[in-house]
């Protein structure tokens, strides 16, 4: 794996790889799955939305948060190490990870806007439920992709795959 990491990234990666040993930060990538909790929270709210449409305001209050900001605001025990290690994540992992996070953020923001309009327009409960389910399922698949990258994969989902999930 080290042979796939550019020489200018290798020494910082190896230094932090030793530092993260024994923590909940992946020594394969220097990324931590705790970041995905930021998205788990909104997905849980979306799952409740069909039964409690008034929770749309709580959903709309959610905002994207980048990796370092998430850890700066978290109670994660190794949060400072996670923040420092992020700058040493090899581009082989960081680029698809950031692309995937961008896809999740766009999906959730666009999805919540659509759901807000459905609720405001008095959509049928089944229509709201299907909308929530579609967004939630797509977000979960993207989070699974991000988790795979955190654990050493380097493949982001193509936009066409995401569009297929959303029926676009």
Protein backbone atom coordinates (compact mmCIF):
# COMPACT_ATOMS: atom_id res chain seq x y z
CA UNK A 1 0.00 0.00 0.00
CA UNK A 2 2.80 2.44 0.82
CA UNK A 3 4.07 2.05 -2.74
CA UNK A 4 0.81 3.66 -3.95
CA UNK A 5 1.36 6.74 -1.79
CA UNK A 6 3.32 9.55 -3.44
CA UNK A 7 6.78 10.07 -1.90
CA UNK A 8 5.92 13.62 -0.79
CA UNK A 9 3.03 12.23 1.31
CA UNK A 10 4.70 9.09 2.62
CA UNK A 11 6.79 10.38 5.53
CA UNK A 12 3.92 12.35 7.13
CA UNK A 13 1.62 9.37 6.61
CA UNK A 14 4.06 6.95 8.26
CA UNK A 15 4.70 9.33 11.17
CA UNK A 16 0.99 9.65 11.93
CA UNK A 17 0.35 6.00 11.29
CA UNK A 18 2.50 5.27 14.33
CA UNK A 19 0.71 7.97 16.34
CA UNK A 20 -2.78 6.59 15.65
CA UNK A 21 -1.91 3.01 16.57
CA UNK A 22 -4.28 1.78 19.28
CA UNK A 23 -6.85 4.54 18.67
CA UNK A 24 -10.16 4.60 16.80
CA UNK A 25 -8.40 6.26 13.87
CA UNK A 26 -7.57 3.93 11.00
CA UNK A 27 -3.84 3.31 10.67
CA UNK A 28 -4.52 2.37 7.03
CA UNK A 29 -5.88 5.80 6.09
CA UNK A 30 -5.60 8.11 9.15
CA UNK A 31 -9.38 8.66 8.99
CA UNK A 32 -11.91 7.98 11.75
CA UNK A 33 -15.41 6.58 11.33
CA UNK A 34 -16.63 8.85 14.14
CA UNK A 35 -17.00 11.57 11.49
CA UNK A 36 -19.92 9.64 10.00
CA UNK A 37 -21.90 10.28 13.21
CA UNK A 38 -22.54 13.76 11.82
CA UNK A 39 -24.57 12.14 9.04
CA UNK A 40 -26.10 9.38 11.17
CA UNK A 41 -27.90 12.07 13.20
CA UNK A 42 -29.68 13.58 10.21
CA UNK A 43 -30.51 10.18 8.71
CA UNK A 44 -32.18 9.21 12.00
CA UNK A 45 -34.23 12.42 11.88
CA UNK A 46 -35.23 11.73 8.27
CA UNK A 47 -36.39 8.26 9.28
CA UNK A 48 -38.71 9.84 11.89
CA UNK A 49 -39.97 12.63 9.63
CA UNK A 50 -42.89 10.75 8.00
CA UNK A 51 -44.44 10.20 11.45
CA UNK A 52 -43.53 13.67 12.73
CA UNK A 53 -43.51 16.13 9.81
CA UNK A 54 -43.07 19.06 12.20
CA UNK A 55 -39.49 17.80 12.71
CA UNK A 56 -38.64 19.29 9.31
CA UNK A 57 -37.39 22.40 11.12
CA UNK A 58 -34.92 20.27 13.07
CA UNK A 59 -33.84 18.63 9.83
CA UNK A 60 -33.38 21.98 8.14
CA UNK A 61 -31.23 23.13 11.07
CA UNK A 62 -28.68 20.44 10.17
CA UNK A 63 -25.74 21.77 8.20
CA UNK A 64 -22.71 20.17 6.60
CA UNK A 65 -19.63 20.11 8.77
CA UNK A 66 -16.18 19.37 7.47
CA UNK A 67 -14.02 16.68 9.03
CA UNK A 68 -11.84 18.92 11.18
CA UNK A 69 -14.78 21.02 12.41
CA UNK A 70 -16.67 17.89 13.38
CA UNK A 71 -13.80 16.73 15.56
CA UNK A 72 -13.15 20.19 16.99
CA UNK A 73 -16.75 20.19 18.27
CA UNK A 74 -16.86 16.52 19.30
CA UNK A 75 -16.20 14.59 22.48
CA UNK A 76 -14.13 12.03 20.56
CA UNK A 77 -11.26 11.00 22.85
CA UNK A 78 -8.58 11.42 20.18
CA UNK A 79 -10.14 14.44 18.51
CA UNK A 80 -6.94 16.52 18.37
CA UNK A 81 -5.05 13.60 16.85
CA UNK A 82 -7.84 13.11 14.29
CA UNK A 83 -7.61 16.79 13.32
CA UNK A 84 -3.81 16.70 13.00
CA UNK A 85 -3.78 13.38 11.15
CA UNK A 86 -6.23 14.64 8.52
CA UNK A 87 -3.53 16.75 6.89
CA UNK A 88 -1.47 13.57 6.44
CA UNK A 89 -4.21 11.43 4.90
CA UNK A 90 -2.78 10.34 1.54
CA UNK A 91 -4.57 11.90 -1.44
CA UNK A 92 -5.37 8.34 -2.59
CA UNK A 93 -7.89 8.24 0.28
CA UNK A 94 -8.55 11.93 0.99
CA UNK A 95 -9.76 12.82 -2.52
CA UNK A 96 -12.42 10.07 -2.85
CA UNK A 97 -13.37 10.62 0.80
CA UNK A 98 -13.92 14.35 0.26
CA UNK A 99 -15.80 13.67 -2.97
CA UNK A 100 -18.08 11.22 -1.15
CA UNK A 101 -18.68 13.66 1.70
CA UNK A 102 -19.56 16.32 -0.86
CA UNK A 103 -22.06 13.92 -2.42
CA UNK A 104 -23.63 13.18 0.97
CA UNK A 105 -23.91 16.88 1.81
CA UNK A 106 -25.49 17.72 -1.55
CA UNK A 107 -27.89 14.79 -1.31
CA UNK A 108 -29.04 15.71 2.18
CA UNK A 109 -29.41 19.45 1.51
CA UNK A 110 -31.30 18.93 -1.76
CA UNK A 111 -33.35 16.16 -0.19
CA UNK A 112 -34.38 18.21 2.81
CA UNK A 113 -35.39 21.05 0.51
CA UNK A 114 -37.59 18.64 -1.47
CA UNK A 115 -39.09 17.19 1.72
CA UNK A 116 -39.77 20.69 3.06
CA UNK A 117 -41.70 21.48 -0.13
CA UNK A 118 -43.62 18.20 0.07
CA UNK A 119 -44.68 18.97 3.64
CA UNK A 120 -45.54 22.61 2.83
CA UNK A 121 -47.61 21.45 -0.17
CA UNK A 122 -49.54 18.96 1.99
CA UNK A 123 -48.19 15.82 0.35
CA UNK A 124 -49.79 12.49 1.10
CA UNK A 125 -48.08 10.59 3.96
CA UNK A 126 -47.02 7.82 1.56
CA UNK A 127 -45.32 10.36 -0.70
CA UNK A 128 -43.43 11.86 2.24
CA UNK A 129 -42.49 8.42 3.50
CA UNK A 130 -41.15 7.38 0.09
CA UNK A 131 -39.18 10.62 -0.23
CA UNK A 132 -37.62 10.15 3.20
CA UNK A 133 -36.86 6.50 2.52
CA UNK A 134 -35.17 7.29 -0.81
CA UNK A 135 -32.96 10.02 0.66
CA UNK A 136 -32.15 8.00 3.76
CA UNK A 137 -31.24 4.91 1.73
CA UNK A 138 -29.02 6.89 -0.65
CA UNK A 139 -27.33 8.67 2.26
CA UNK A 140 -26.69 5.33 3.96
CA UNK A 141 -25.13 3.88 0.81
CA UNK A 142 -22.88 6.92 0.49
CA UNK A 143 -21.94 6.65 4.17
CA UNK A 144 -21.09 2.99 3.57
CA UNK A 145 -18.88 4.11 0.70
CA UNK A 146 -17.21 6.71 2.98
CA UNK A 147 -16.72 4.02 5.63
CA UNK A 148 -15.09 1.79 3.03
CA UNK A 149 -12.68 4.60 2.19
CA UNK A 150 -11.96 5.18 5.89
CA UNK A 151 -11.02 1.49 6.11
CA UNK A 152 -8.74 1.53 3.09
CA UNK A 153 -10.87 1.58 -0.05
CA UNK A 154 -10.36 4.34 -2.56
CA UNK A 155 -13.55 4.31 -4.63
CA UNK A 156 -16.15 7.06 -4.53
CA UNK A 157 -19.59 6.55 -6.08
CA UNK A 158 -20.15 8.02 -9.52
CA UNK A 159 -22.87 10.65 -9.86
CA UNK A 160 -24.77 8.33 -12.22
CA UNK A 161 -24.92 5.70 -9.45
CA UNK A 162 -26.32 8.27 -7.02
CA UNK A 163 -28.84 9.52 -9.57
CA UNK A 164 -29.94 5.91 -10.09
CA UNK A 165 -30.58 5.54 -6.36
CA UNK A 166 -32.70 8.67 -6.38
CA UNK A 167 -34.62 7.69 -9.49
CA UNK A 168 -33.33 10.67 -11.46
